[in-house]
């Protein structure tokens, strides 16, 4: 009985205890992430992951490695939500990087993630 009373007393606070999460990591296959939208036409291959910008954040940061015609790049994509809850265009900071080092990183990532022993061209 005490448990039932405690649960009934908690109901009014249930909807205000925690705001609903925002979905920044798009799950719907008809939509794409901010990183994909910014980079897919400029680079042949992209590996990007969020470093900040999880469930309820108003800031999104991606770290990335991209490749175009055999040249590797590394960088970040940053975006911060405005006070009116709109999102401005993201800021992309990218520079060339050591090709051999990035290839080794991607090979290591493929092995650890997918169990692949593939070569990266």
PDB file of N, CA and C in Angstrom:
ATOM      1  N   UNK A   1       0.822  -1.190   0.000  1.00  0.00           N
ATOM      2  CA  UNK A   1       0.000   0.000   0.000  1.00  0.00           C
ATOM      3  C   UNK A   1       0.876   1.269   0.000  1.00  0.00           C
ATOM      4  N   UNK A   2       1.963   1.216   0.789  1.00  0.00           N
ATOM      5  CA  UNK A   2       2.856   2.376   0.847  1.00  0.00           C
ATOM      6  C   UNK A   2       3.494   2.643  -0.518  1.00  0.00           C
ATOM      7  N   UNK A   3       3.830   1.570  -1.203  1.00  0.00           N
ATOM      8  CA  UNK A   3       4.431   1.725  -2.532  1.00  0.00           C
ATOM      9  C   UNK A   3       3.444   2.369  -3.488  1.00  0.00           C
ATOM     10  N   UNK A   4       2.201   1.959  -3.447  1.00  0.00           N
ATOM     11  CA  UNK A   4       1.169   2.526  -4.317  1.00  0.00           C
ATOM     12  C   UNK A   4       0.983   4.010  -4.044  1.00  0.00           C
ATOM     13  N   UNK A   5       0.950   4.391  -2.778  1.00  0.00           N
ATOM     14  CA  UNK A   5       0.795   5.803  -2.420  1.00  0.00           C
ATOM     15  C   UNK A   5       2.011   6.601  -2.896  1.00  0.00           C
ATOM     16  N   UNK A   6       3.196   6.049  -2.717  1.00  0.00           N
ATOM     17  CA  UNK A   6       4.408   6.735  -3.170  1.00  0.00           C
ATOM     18  C   UNK A   6       4.398   6.935  -4.681  1.00  0.00           C
ATOM     19  N   UNK A   7       3.977   5.925  -5.423  1.00  0.00           N
ATOM     20  CA  UNK A   7       3.897   6.053  -6.881  1.00  0.00           C
ATOM     21  C   UNK A   7       2.869   7.088  -7.299  1.00  0.00           C
ATOM     22  N   UNK A   8       1.724   7.107  -6.635  1.00  0.00           N
ATOM     23  CA  UNK A   8       0.691   8.095  -6.959  1.00  0.00           C
ATOM     24  C   UNK A   8       1.166   9.514  -6.669  1.00  0.00           C
ATOM     25  N   UNK A   9       1.949   9.686  -5.623  1.00  0.00           N
ATOM     26  CA  UNK A   9       2.472  11.009  -5.305  1.00  0.00           C
ATOM     27  C   UNK A   9       3.533  11.465  -6.307  1.00  0.00           C
ATOM     28  N   UNK A  10       4.184  10.543  -6.978  1.00  0.00           N
ATOM     29  CA  UNK A  10       5.236  10.887  -7.932  1.00  0.00           C
ATOM     30  C   UNK A  10       4.704  11.204  -9.323  1.00  0.00           C
ATOM     31  N   UNK A  11       3.483  10.849  -9.636  1.00  0.00           N
ATOM     32  CA  UNK A  11       2.922  11.059 -10.979  1.00  0.00           C
ATOM     33  C   UNK A  11       2.980  12.520 -11.420  1.00  0.00           C
ATOM     34  N   UNK A  12       2.599  13.504 -10.578  1.00  0.00           N
ATOM     35  CA  UNK A  12       2.653  14.898 -11.062  1.00  0.00           C
ATOM     36  C   UNK A  12       4.055  15.360 -11.455  1.00  0.00           C
ATOM     37  N   UNK A  13       5.092  14.742 -10.897  1.00  0.00           N
ATOM     38  CA  UNK A  13       6.464  15.157 -11.193  1.00  0.00           C
ATOM     39  C   UNK A  13       7.069  14.406 -12.374  1.00  0.00           C
ATOM     40  N   UNK A  14       6.406  13.379 -12.828  1.00  0.00           N
ATOM     41  CA  UNK A  14       6.975  12.519 -13.871  1.00  0.00           C
ATOM     42  C   UNK A  14       7.192  13.264 -15.181  1.00  0.00           C
ATOM     43  N   UNK A  15       6.291  14.171 -15.552  1.00  0.00           N
ATOM     44  CA  UNK A  15       6.440  14.855 -16.833  1.00  0.00           C
ATOM     45  C   UNK A  15       7.386  16.045 -16.761  1.00  0.00           C
ATOM     46  N   UNK A  16       7.746  16.500 -15.563  1.00  0.00           N
ATOM     47  CA  UNK A  16       8.659  17.637 -15.443  1.00  0.00           C
ATOM     48  C   UNK A  16      10.020  17.239 -14.892  1.00  0.00           C
ATOM     49  N   UNK A  17      10.179  15.997 -14.519  1.00  0.00           N
ATOM     50  CA  UNK A  17      11.432  15.570 -13.909  1.00  0.00           C
ATOM     51  C   UNK A  17      12.601  15.662 -14.876  1.00  0.00           C
ATOM     52  N   UNK A  18      12.376  15.326 -16.125  1.00  0.00           N
ATOM     53  CA  UNK A  18      13.455  15.354 -17.102  1.00  0.00           C
ATOM     54  C   UNK A  18      12.863  15.702 -18.460  1.00  0.00           C
ATOM     55  N   UNK A  19      13.426  16.708 -19.135  1.00  0.00           N
ATOM     56  CA  UNK A  19      12.907  17.031 -20.462  1.00  0.00           C
ATOM     57  C   UNK A  19      13.129  15.877 -21.435  1.00  0.00           C
ATOM     58  N   UNK A  20      12.277  15.810 -22.428  1.00  0.00           N
ATOM     59  CA  UNK A  20      12.407  14.763 -23.429  1.00  0.00           C
ATOM     60  C   UNK A  20      13.711  14.924 -24.201  1.00  0.00           C
ATOM     61  N   UNK A  21      14.347  13.843 -24.572  1.00  0.00           N
ATOM     62  CA  UNK A  21      15.615  13.932 -25.301  1.00  0.00           C
ATOM     63  C   UNK A  21      15.410  14.449 -26.717  1.00  0.00           C
ATOM     64  N   UNK A  22      16.418  15.135 -27.222  1.00  0.00           N
ATOM     65  CA  UNK A  22      16.419  15.568 -28.619  1.00  0.00           C
ATOM     66  C   UNK A  22      17.197  14.538 -29.408  1.00  0.00           C
ATOM     67  N   UNK A  23      16.759  14.253 -30.581  1.00  0.00           N
ATOM     68  CA  UNK A  23      17.427  13.235 -31.394  1.00  0.00           C
ATOM     69  C   UNK A  23      18.339  13.917 -32.407  1.00  0.00           C
ATOM     70  N   UNK A  24      19.639  13.977 -32.102  1.00  0.00           N
ATOM     71  CA  UNK A  24      20.607  14.538 -33.033  1.00  0.00           C
ATOM     72  C   UNK A  24      21.242  13.463 -33.895  1.00  0.00           C
ATOM     73  N   UNK A  25      21.358  12.277 -33.376  1.00  0.00           N
ATOM     74  CA  UNK A  25      21.888  11.159 -34.143  1.00  0.00           C
ATOM     75  C   UNK A  25      20.732  10.541 -34.890  1.00  0.00           C
ATOM     76  N   UNK A  26      20.567  10.890 -36.118  1.00  0.00           N
ATOM     77  CA  UNK A  26      19.390  10.509 -36.881  1.00  0.00           C
ATOM     78  C   UNK A  26      19.333   8.998 -37.053  1.00  0.00           C
ATOM     79  N   UNK A  27      18.192   8.425 -36.747  1.00  0.00           N
ATOM     80  CA  UNK A  27      17.999   6.988 -36.879  1.00  0.00           C
ATOM     81  C   UNK A  27      17.215   6.676 -38.149  1.00  0.00           C
ATOM     82  N   UNK A  28      16.347   7.567 -38.555  1.00  0.00           N
ATOM     83  CA  UNK A  28      15.530   7.357 -39.744  1.00  0.00           C
ATOM     84  C   UNK A  28      16.440   7.311 -40.971  1.00  0.00           C
ATOM     85  N   UNK A  29      16.347   6.267 -41.752  1.00  0.00           N
ATOM     86  CA  UNK A  29      17.252   6.106 -42.892  1.00  0.00           C
ATOM     87  C   UNK A  29      16.966   7.094 -44.017  1.00  0.00           C
ATOM     88  N   UNK A  30      15.847   7.793 -43.965  1.00  0.00           N
ATOM     89  CA  UNK A  30      15.557   8.773 -45.010  1.00  0.00           C
ATOM     90  C   UNK A  30      16.236  10.112 -44.715  1.00  0.00           C
ATOM     91  N   UNK A  31      16.801  10.268 -43.531  1.00  0.00           N
ATOM     92  CA  UNK A  31      17.506  11.485 -43.161  1.00  0.00           C
ATOM     93  C   UNK A  31      18.968  11.145 -42.906  1.00  0.00           C
ATOM     94  N   UNK A  32      19.814  12.157 -42.915  1.00  0.00           N
ATOM     95  CA  UNK A  32      21.237  11.932 -42.701  1.00  0.00           C
ATOM     96  C   UNK A  32      21.747  12.847 -41.602  1.00  0.00           C
ATOM     97  N   UNK A  33      22.870  12.480 -41.018  1.00  0.00           N
ATOM     98  CA  UNK A  33      23.473  13.288 -39.967  1.00  0.00           C
ATOM     99  C   UNK A  33      24.015  14.591 -40.549  1.00  0.00           C
ATOM    100  N   UNK A  34      24.300  15.522 -39.665  1.00  0.00           N
ATOM    101  CA  UNK A  34      24.863  16.803 -40.084  1.00  0.00           C
ATOM    102  C   UNK A  34      26.208  16.593 -40.776  1.00  0.00           C
ATOM    103  N   UNK A  35      27.005  15.663 -40.284  1.00  0.00           N
ATOM    104  CA  UNK A  35      28.312  15.400 -40.893  1.00  0.00           C
ATOM    105  C   UNK A  35      28.145  14.902 -42.322  1.00  0.00           C
ATOM    106  N   UNK A  36      27.229  13.970 -42.534  1.00  0.00           N
ATOM    107  CA  UNK A  36      27.001  13.455 -43.883  1.00  0.00           C
ATOM    108  C   UNK A  36      26.497  14.561 -44.798  1.00  0.00           C
ATOM    109  N   UNK A  37      25.553  15.352 -44.310  1.00  0.00           N
ATOM    110  CA  UNK A  37      24.987  16.422 -45.132  1.00  0.00           C
ATOM    111  C   UNK A  37      26.050  17.428 -45.562  1.00  0.00           C
ATOM    112  N   UNK A  38      27.014  17.722 -44.685  1.00  0.00           N
ATOM    113  CA  UNK A  38      28.053  18.699 -44.995  1.00  0.00           C
ATOM    114  C   UNK A  38      29.162  18.158 -45.893  1.00  0.00           C
ATOM    115  N   UNK A  39      29.425  16.844 -45.834  1.00  0.00           N
ATOM    116  CA  UNK A  39      30.645  16.316 -46.437  1.00  0.00           C
ATOM    117  C   UNK A  39      30.465  15.353 -47.600  1.00  0.00           C
ATOM    118  N   UNK A  40      29.289  14.778 -47.790  1.00  0.00           N
ATOM    119  CA  UNK A  40      29.169  13.659 -48.732  1.00  0.00           C
ATOM    120  C   UNK A  40      29.475  14.026 -50.182  1.00  0.00           C
ATOM    121  N   UNK A  41      29.288  15.266 -50.573  1.00  0.00           N
ATOM    122  CA  UNK A  41      29.581  15.660 -51.954  1.00  0.00           C
ATOM    123  C   UNK A  41      31.038  16.098 -52.134  1.00  0.00           C
ATOM    124  N   UNK A  42      31.729  16.370 -51.035  1.00  0.00           N
ATOM    125  CA  UNK A  42      33.088  16.898 -51.117  1.00  0.00           C
ATOM    126  C   UNK A  42      34.167  15.828 -50.994  1.00  0.00           C
ATOM    127  N   UNK A  43      33.839  14.704 -50.356  1.00  0.00           N
ATOM    128  CA  UNK A  43      34.851  13.690 -50.056  1.00  0.00           C
ATOM    129  C   UNK A  43      34.382  12.312 -50.499  1.00  0.00           C
ATOM    130  N   UNK A  44      35.357  11.453 -50.804  1.00  0.00           N
ATOM    131  CA  UNK A  44      35.047  10.095 -51.247  1.00  0.00           C
ATOM    132  C   UNK A  44      34.683   9.188 -50.075  1.00  0.00           C
ATOM    133  N   UNK A  45      35.388   9.326 -48.967  1.00  0.00           N
ATOM    134  CA  UNK A  45      35.128   8.527 -47.760  1.00  0.00           C
ATOM    135  C   UNK A  45      35.117   9.439 -46.547  1.00  0.00           C
ATOM    136  N   UNK A  46      34.239   9.112 -45.592  1.00  0.00           N
ATOM    137  CA  UNK A  46      34.115   9.921 -44.383  1.00  0.00           C
ATOM    138  C   UNK A  46      33.951   8.997 -43.183  1.00  0.00           C
ATOM    139  N   UNK A  47      34.710   9.266 -42.128  1.00  0.00           N
ATOM    140  CA  UNK A  47      34.484   8.638 -40.828  1.00  0.00           C
ATOM    141  C   UNK A  47      34.283   9.794 -39.860  1.00  0.00           C
ATOM    142  N   UNK A  48      33.077   9.904 -39.304  1.00  0.00           N
ATOM    143  CA  UNK A  48      32.769  11.003 -38.389  1.00  0.00           C
ATOM    144  C   UNK A  48      32.017  10.459 -37.188  1.00  0.00           C
ATOM    145  N   UNK A  49      32.304  11.024 -36.032  1.00  0.00           N
ATOM    146  CA  UNK A  49      31.615  10.604 -34.817  1.00  0.00           C
ATOM    147  C   UNK A  49      31.441  11.805 -33.901  1.00  0.00           C
ATOM    148  N   UNK A  50      30.387  11.765 -33.090  1.00  0.00           N
ATOM    149  CA  UNK A  50      30.124  12.879 -32.186  1.00  0.00           C
ATOM    150  C   UNK A  50      31.075  12.830 -31.007  1.00  0.00           C
ATOM    151  N   UNK A  51      31.601  13.987 -30.660  1.00  0.00           N
ATOM    152  CA  UNK A  51      32.423  14.109 -29.463  1.00  0.00           C
ATOM    153  C   UNK A  51      31.687  14.901 -28.398  1.00  0.00           C
ATOM    154  N   UNK A  52      30.665  15.626 -28.801  1.00  0.00           N
ATOM    155  CA  UNK A  52      29.805  16.360 -27.882  1.00  0.00           C
ATOM    156  C   UNK A  52      28.494  16.565 -28.611  1.00  0.00           C
ATOM    157  N   UNK A  53      27.398  16.562 -27.882  1.00  0.00           N
ATOM    158  CA  UNK A  53      26.107  16.777 -28.515  1.00  0.00           C
ATOM    159  C   UNK A  53      25.227  15.566 -28.356  1.00  0.00           C
ATOM    160  N   UNK A  54      25.038  15.179 -27.148  1.00  0.00           N
ATOM    161  CA  UNK A  54      24.260  13.984 -26.900  1.00  0.00           C
ATOM    162  C   UNK A  54      22.804  14.344 -26.657  1.00  0.00           C
ATOM    163  N   UNK A  55      22.096  13.581 -25.882  1.00  0.00           N
ATOM    164  CA  UNK A  55      20.636  13.645 -25.784  1.00  0.00           C
ATOM    165  C   UNK A  55      20.056  15.038 -25.639  1.00  0.00           C
ATOM    166  N   UNK A  56      20.528  15.836 -24.702  1.00  0.00           N
ATOM    167  CA  UNK A  56      19.855  17.105 -24.436  1.00  0.00           C
ATOM    168  C   UNK A  56      20.752  18.310 -24.669  1.00  0.00           C
ATOM    169  N   UNK A  57      21.792  18.136 -25.387  1.00  0.00           N
ATOM    170  CA  UNK A  57      22.752  19.205 -25.589  1.00  0.00           C
ATOM    171  C   UNK A  57      22.284  20.173 -26.665  1.00  0.00           C
ATOM    172  N   UNK A  58      22.719  21.419 -26.531  1.00  0.00           N
ATOM    173  CA  UNK A  58      22.450  22.400 -27.576  1.00  0.00           C
ATOM    174  C   UNK A  58      23.707  22.662 -28.401  1.00  0.00           C
ATOM    175  N   UNK A  59      24.702  21.796 -28.233  1.00  0.00           N
ATOM    176  CA  UNK A  59      25.961  21.890 -28.968  1.00  0.00           C
ATOM    177  C   UNK A  59      26.237  20.544 -29.621  1.00  0.00           C
ATOM    178  N   UNK A  60      26.656  20.578 -30.882  1.00  0.00           N
ATOM    179  CA  UNK A  60      27.015  19.347 -31.581  1.00  0.00           C
ATOM    180  C   UNK A  60      28.435  19.503 -32.114  1.00  0.00           C
ATOM    181  N   UNK A  61      29.288  18.567 -31.778  1.00  0.00           N
ATOM    182  CA  UNK A  61      30.662  18.528 -32.298  1.00  0.00           C
ATOM    183  C   UNK A  61      30.907  17.158 -32.896  1.00  0.00           C
ATOM    184  N   UNK A  62      31.442  17.127 -34.098  1.00  0.00           N
ATOM    185  CA  UNK A  62      31.884  15.888 -34.733  1.00  0.00           C
ATOM    186  C   UNK A  62      33.389  15.959 -34.927  1.00  0.00           C
ATOM    187  N   UNK A  63      34.070  14.863 -34.689  1.00  0.00           N
ATOM    188  CA  UNK A  63      35.457  14.699 -35.123  1.00  0.00           C
ATOM    189  C   UNK A  63      35.392  13.874 -36.399  1.00  0.00           C
ATOM    190  N   UNK A  64      36.289  14.116 -37.344  1.00  0.00           N
ATOM    191  CA  UNK A  64      36.168  13.413 -38.614  1.00  0.00           C
ATOM    192  C   UNK A  64      37.506  13.165 -39.278  1.00  0.00           C
ATOM    193  N   UNK A  65      37.499  12.141 -40.100  1.00  0.00           N
ATOM    194  CA  UNK A  65      38.575  11.845 -41.043  1.00  0.00           C
ATOM    195  C   UNK A  65      37.890  11.690 -42.392  1.00  0.00           C
ATOM    196  N   UNK A  66      38.416  12.341 -43.392  1.00  0.00           N
ATOM    197  CA  UNK A  66      37.832  12.257 -44.730  1.00  0.00           C
ATOM    198  C   UNK A  66      38.947  12.007 -45.743  1.00  0.00           C
ATOM    199  N   UNK A  67      38.557  11.445 -46.884  1.00  0.00           N
ATOM    200  CA  UNK A  67      39.526  11.157 -47.948  1.00  0.00           C
ATOM    201  C   UNK A  67      38.934  11.578 -49.281  1.00  0.00           C
ATOM    202  N   UNK A  68      39.777  12.229 -50.089  1.00  0.00           N
ATOM    203  CA  UNK A  68      39.372  12.616 -51.442  1.00  0.00           C
ATOM    204  C   UNK A  68      40.573  12.423 -52.353  1.00  0.00           C
ATOM    205  N   UNK A  69      40.418  11.571 -53.340  1.00  0.00           N
ATOM    206  CA  UNK A  69      41.444  11.297 -54.342  1.00  0.00           C
ATOM    207  C   UNK A  69      42.796  10.968 -53.705  1.00  0.00           C
ATOM    208  N   UNK A  70      42.780  10.133 -52.667  1.00  0.00           N
ATOM    209  CA  UNK A  70      44.008   9.676 -52.036  1.00  0.00           C
ATOM    210  C   UNK A  70      44.613  10.610 -51.010  1.00  0.00           C
ATOM    211  N   UNK A  71      44.033  11.786 -50.814  1.00  0.00           N
ATOM    212  CA  UNK A  71      44.521  12.738 -49.821  1.00  0.00           C
ATOM    213  C   UNK A  71      43.597  12.669 -48.607  1.00  0.00           C
ATOM    214  N   UNK A  72      44.188  12.530 -47.418  1.00  0.00           N
ATOM    215  CA  UNK A  72      43.406  12.414 -46.190  1.00  0.00           C
ATOM    216  C   UNK A  72      43.341  13.749 -45.459  1.00  0.00           C
ATOM    217  N   UNK A  73      42.212  13.977 -44.811  1.00  0.00           N
ATOM    218  CA  UNK A  73      41.954  15.201 -44.064  1.00  0.00           C
ATOM    219  C   UNK A  73      41.443  14.824 -42.680  1.00  0.00           C
ATOM    220  N   UNK A  74      41.688  15.688 -41.706  1.00  0.00           N
ATOM    221  CA  UNK A  74      41.073  15.516 -40.396  1.00  0.00           C
ATOM    222  C   UNK A  74      40.505  16.859 -39.976  1.00  0.00           C
ATOM    223  N   UNK A  75      39.484  16.801 -39.131  1.00  0.00           N
ATOM    224  CA  UNK A  75      38.881  18.052 -38.726  1.00  0.00           C
ATOM    225  C   UNK A  75      37.719  17.881 -37.784  1.00  0.00           C
ATOM    226  N   UNK A  76      36.969  18.967 -37.631  1.00  0.00           N
ATOM    227  CA  UNK A  76      35.801  18.984 -36.765  1.00  0.00           C
ATOM    228  C   UNK A  76      34.662  19.726 -37.447  1.00  0.00           C
ATOM    229  N   UNK A  77      33.468  19.397 -37.035  1.00  0.00           N
ATOM    230  CA  UNK A  77      32.270  20.141 -37.415  1.00  0.00           C
ATOM    231  C   UNK A  77      31.629  20.579 -36.108  1.00  0.00           C
ATOM    232  N   UNK A  78      31.312  21.867 -35.998  1.00  0.00           N
ATOM    233  CA  UNK A  78      30.729  22.393 -34.768  1.00  0.00           C
ATOM    234  C   UNK A  78      29.461  23.170 -35.080  1.00  0.00           C
ATOM    235  N   UNK A  79      28.487  23.029 -34.201  1.00  0.00           N
ATOM    236  CA  UNK A  79      27.249  23.776 -34.351  1.00  0.00           C
ATOM    237  C   UNK A  79      26.639  23.988 -32.970  1.00  0.00           C
ATOM    238  N   UNK A  80      26.184  25.192 -32.702  1.00  0.00           N
ATOM    239  CA  UNK A  80      25.548  25.493 -31.419  1.00  0.00           C
ATOM    240  C   UNK A  80      24.172  26.089 -31.677  1.00  0.00           C
ATOM    241  N   UNK A  81      23.184  25.557 -30.986  1.00  0.00           N
ATOM    242  CA  UNK A  81      21.805  25.995 -31.165  1.00  0.00           C
ATOM    243  C   UNK A  81      21.643  27.429 -30.674  1.00  0.00           C
ATOM    244  N   UNK A  82      20.878  28.227 -31.425  1.00  0.00           N
ATOM    245  CA  UNK A  82      20.619  29.611 -31.037  1.00  0.00           C
ATOM    246  C   UNK A  82      19.561  29.655 -29.932  1.00  0.00           C
ATOM    247  N   UNK A  83      19.378  30.837 -29.354  1.00  0.00           N
ATOM    248  CA  UNK A  83      18.389  30.997 -28.286  1.00  0.00           C
ATOM    249  C   UNK A  83      16.966  30.721 -28.757  1.00  0.00           C
ATOM    250  N   UNK A  84      16.683  30.969 -30.036  1.00  0.00           N
ATOM    251  CA  UNK A  84      15.333  30.710 -30.555  1.00  0.00           C
ATOM    252  C   UNK A  84      15.162  29.257 -31.009  1.00  0.00           C
ATOM    253  N   UNK A  85      16.095  28.390 -30.609  1.00  0.00           N
ATOM    254  CA  UNK A  85      16.080  26.948 -30.872  1.00  0.00           C
ATOM    255  C   UNK A  85      16.223  26.581 -32.350  1.00  0.00           C
ATOM    256  N   UNK A  86      16.793  27.482 -33.142  1.00  0.00           N
ATOM    257  CA  UNK A  86      17.135  27.141 -34.522  1.00  0.00           C
ATOM    258  C   UNK A  86      18.620  26.799 -34.564  1.00  0.00           C
ATOM    259  N   UNK A  87      19.001  26.086 -35.610  1.00  0.00           N
ATOM    260  CA  UNK A  87      20.398  25.676 -35.768  1.00  0.00           C
ATOM    261  C   UNK A  87      21.027  26.444 -36.923  1.00  0.00           C
ATOM    262  N   UNK A  88      22.118  27.167 -36.692  1.00  0.00           N
ATOM    263  CA  UNK A  88      22.813  27.836 -37.795  1.00  0.00           C
ATOM    264  C   UNK A  88      23.578  26.811 -38.627  1.00  0.00           C
ATOM    265  N   UNK A  89      24.157  27.272 -39.726  1.00  0.00           N
ATOM    266  CA  UNK A  89      25.005  26.382 -40.517  1.00  0.00           C
ATOM    267  C   UNK A  89      26.209  25.969 -39.679  1.00  0.00           C
ATOM    268  N   UNK A  90      26.580  24.702 -39.742  1.00  0.00           N
ATOM    269  CA  UNK A  90      27.729  24.247 -38.959  1.00  0.00           C
ATOM    270  C   UNK A  90      29.039  24.829 -39.473  1.00  0.00           C
ATOM    271  N   UNK A  91      30.005  24.934 -38.576  1.00  0.00           N
ATOM    272  CA  UNK A  91      31.340  25.422 -38.909  1.00  0.00           C
ATOM    273  C   UNK A  91      32.235  24.204 -39.123  1.00  0.00           C
ATOM    274  N   UNK A  92      32.852  24.123 -40.286  1.00  0.00           N
ATOM    275  CA  UNK A  92      33.732  23.015 -40.637  1.00  0.00           C
ATOM    276  C   UNK A  92      35.176  23.502 -40.603  1.00  0.00           C
ATOM    277  N   UNK A  93      35.995  22.857 -39.787  1.00  0.00           N
ATOM    278  CA  UNK A  93      37.429  23.143 -39.735  1.00  0.00           C
ATOM    279  C   UNK A  93      38.130  21.855 -40.142  1.00  0.00           C
ATOM    280  N   UNK A  94      38.865  21.907 -41.256  1.00  0.00           N
ATOM    281  CA  UNK A  94      39.476  20.684 -41.783  1.00  0.00           C
ATOM    282  C   UNK A  94      40.837  21.016 -42.388  1.00  0.00           C
ATOM    283  N   UNK A  95      41.781  20.087 -42.242  1.00  0.00           N
ATOM    284  CA  UNK A  95      43.114  20.286 -42.821  1.00  0.00           C
ATOM    285  C   UNK A  95      43.667  18.937 -43.266  1.00  0.00           C
ATOM    286  N   UNK A  96      44.652  18.992 -44.152  1.00  0.00           N
ATOM    287  CA  UNK A  96      45.266  17.746 -44.620  1.00  0.00           C
ATOM    288  C   UNK A  96      46.044  17.115 -43.474  1.00  0.00           C
ATOM    289  N   UNK A  97      46.207  15.807 -43.558  1.00  0.00           N
ATOM    290  CA  UNK A  97      46.898  15.072 -42.508  1.00  0.00           C
ATOM    291  C   UNK A  97      47.761  13.983 -43.130  1.00  0.00           C
ATOM    292  N   UNK A  98      48.556  13.336 -42.327  1.00  0.00           N
ATOM    293  CA  UNK A  98      49.459  12.280 -42.773  1.00  0.00           C
ATOM    294  C   UNK A  98      48.661  11.086 -43.299  1.00  0.00           C
ATOM    295  N   UNK A  99      48.790  10.807 -44.587  1.00  0.00           N
ATOM    296  CA  UNK A  99      48.023   9.744 -45.230  1.00  0.00           C
ATOM    297  C   UNK A  99      48.326   8.383 -44.633  1.00  0.00           C
ATOM    298  N   UNK A 100      49.580   8.077 -44.412  1.00  0.00           N
ATOM    299  CA  UNK A 100      49.954   6.765 -43.882  1.00  0.00           C
ATOM    300  C   UNK A 100      49.351   6.538 -42.496  1.00  0.00           C
ATOM    301  N   UNK A 101      49.413   7.554 -41.658  1.00  0.00           N
ATOM    302  CA  UNK A 101      48.872   7.456 -40.301  1.00  0.00           C
ATOM    303  C   UNK A 101      47.354   7.243 -40.328  1.00  0.00           C
ATOM    304  N   UNK A 102      46.664   7.955 -41.196  1.00  0.00           N
ATOM    305  CA  UNK A 102      45.206   7.820 -41.266  1.00  0.00           C
ATOM    306  C   UNK A 102      44.795   6.468 -41.839  1.00  0.00           C
ATOM    307  N   UNK A 103      45.541   5.970 -42.817  1.00  0.00           N
ATOM    308  CA  UNK A 103      45.241   4.637 -43.353  1.00  0.00           C
ATOM    309  C   UNK A 103      45.392   3.585 -42.266  1.00  0.00           C
ATOM    310  N   UNK A 104      46.457   3.685 -41.474  1.00  0.00           N
ATOM    311  CA  UNK A 104      46.663   2.735 -40.381  1.00  0.00           C
ATOM    312  C   UNK A 104      45.530   2.814 -39.362  1.00  0.00           C
ATOM    313  N   UNK A 105      45.084   4.021 -39.080  1.00  0.00           N
ATOM    314  CA  UNK A 105      43.972   4.189 -38.144  1.00  0.00           C
ATOM    315  C   UNK A 105      42.703   3.535 -38.683  1.00  0.00           C
ATOM    316  N   UNK A 106      42.402   3.743 -39.957  1.00  0.00           N
ATOM    317  CA  UNK A 106      41.194   3.162 -40.548  1.00  0.00           C
ATOM    318  C   UNK A 106      41.275   1.641 -40.613  1.00  0.00           C
ATOM    319  N   UNK A 107      42.456   1.108 -40.894  1.00  0.00           N
ATOM    320  CA  UNK A 107      42.629  -0.349 -40.894  1.00  0.00           C
ATOM    321  C   UNK A 107      42.397  -0.896 -39.488  1.00  0.00           C
ATOM    322  N   UNK A 108      42.958  -0.233 -38.492  1.00  0.00           N
ATOM    323  CA  UNK A 108      42.767  -0.651 -37.102  1.00  0.00           C
ATOM    324  C   UNK A 108      41.294  -0.580 -36.708  1.00  0.00           C
ATOM    325  N   UNK A 109      40.623   0.474 -37.117  1.00  0.00           N
ATOM    326  CA  UNK A 109      39.196   0.632 -36.829  1.00  0.00           C
ATOM    327  C   UNK A 109      38.379  -0.473 -37.486  1.00  0.00           C
ATOM    328  N   UNK A 110      38.692  -0.792 -38.736  1.00  0.00           N
ATOM    329  CA  UNK A 110      37.967  -1.853 -39.446  1.00  0.00           C
ATOM    330  C   UNK A 110      38.173  -3.204 -38.771  1.00  0.00           C
ATOM    331  N   UNK A 111      39.390  -3.462 -38.336  1.00  0.00           N
ATOM    332  CA  UNK A 111      39.669  -4.737 -37.656  1.00  0.00           C
ATOM    333  C   UNK A 111      38.918  -4.836 -36.338  1.00  0.00           C
ATOM    334  N   UNK A 112      38.950  -3.778 -35.555  1.00  0.00           N
ATOM    335  CA  UNK A 112      38.314  -3.803 -34.242  1.00  0.00           C
ATOM    336  C   UNK A 112      36.793  -3.813 -34.342  1.00  0.00           C
ATOM    337  N   UNK A 113      36.259  -3.092 -35.295  1.00  0.00           N
ATOM    338  CA  UNK A 113      34.816  -2.962 -35.399  1.00  0.00           C
ATOM    339  C   UNK A 113      34.183  -4.121 -36.143  1.00  0.00           C
ATOM    340  N   UNK A 114      34.750  -4.484 -37.267  1.00  0.00           N
ATOM    341  CA  UNK A 114      34.119  -5.469 -38.137  1.00  0.00           C
ATOM    342  C   UNK A 114      34.886  -6.779 -38.239  1.00  0.00           C
ATOM    343  N   UNK A 115      36.050  -6.852 -37.623  1.00  0.00           N
ATOM    344  CA  UNK A 115      36.859  -8.055 -37.724  1.00  0.00           C
ATOM    345  C   UNK A 115      37.448  -8.243 -39.109  1.00  0.00           C
ATOM    346  N   UNK A 116      37.621  -7.148 -39.831  1.00  0.00           N
ATOM    347  CA  UNK A 116      38.127  -7.217 -41.203  1.00  0.00           C
ATOM    348  C   UNK A 116      39.644  -7.119 -41.223  1.00  0.00           C
ATOM    349  N   UNK A 117      40.245  -7.798 -42.145  1.00  0.00           N
ATOM    350  CA  UNK A 117      41.685  -7.639 -42.373  1.00  0.00           C
ATOM    351  C   UNK A 117      41.859  -7.123 -43.792  1.00  0.00           C
ATOM    352  N   UNK A 118      41.277  -5.983 -44.044  1.00  0.00           N
ATOM    353  CA  UNK A 118      41.240  -5.418 -45.389  1.00  0.00           C
ATOM    354  C   UNK A 118      42.342  -4.386 -45.574  1.00  0.00           C
ATOM    355  N   UNK A 119      42.655  -4.112 -46.814  1.00  0.00           N
ATOM    356  CA  UNK A 119      43.587  -3.045 -47.140  1.00  0.00           C
ATOM    357  C   UNK A 119      42.780  -1.844 -47.584  1.00  0.00           C
ATOM    358  N   UNK A 120      43.262  -0.686 -47.238  1.00  0.00           N
ATOM    359  CA  UNK A 120      42.605   0.548 -47.646  1.00  0.00           C
ATOM    360  C   UNK A 120      43.443   1.171 -48.738  1.00  0.00           C
ATOM    361  N   UNK A 121      42.805   1.428 -49.861  1.00  0.00           N
ATOM    362  CA  UNK A 121      43.508   2.005 -51.006  1.00  0.00           C
ATOM    363  C   UNK A 121      43.791   3.460 -50.799  1.00  0.00           C
TER     364      UNK A 121
END
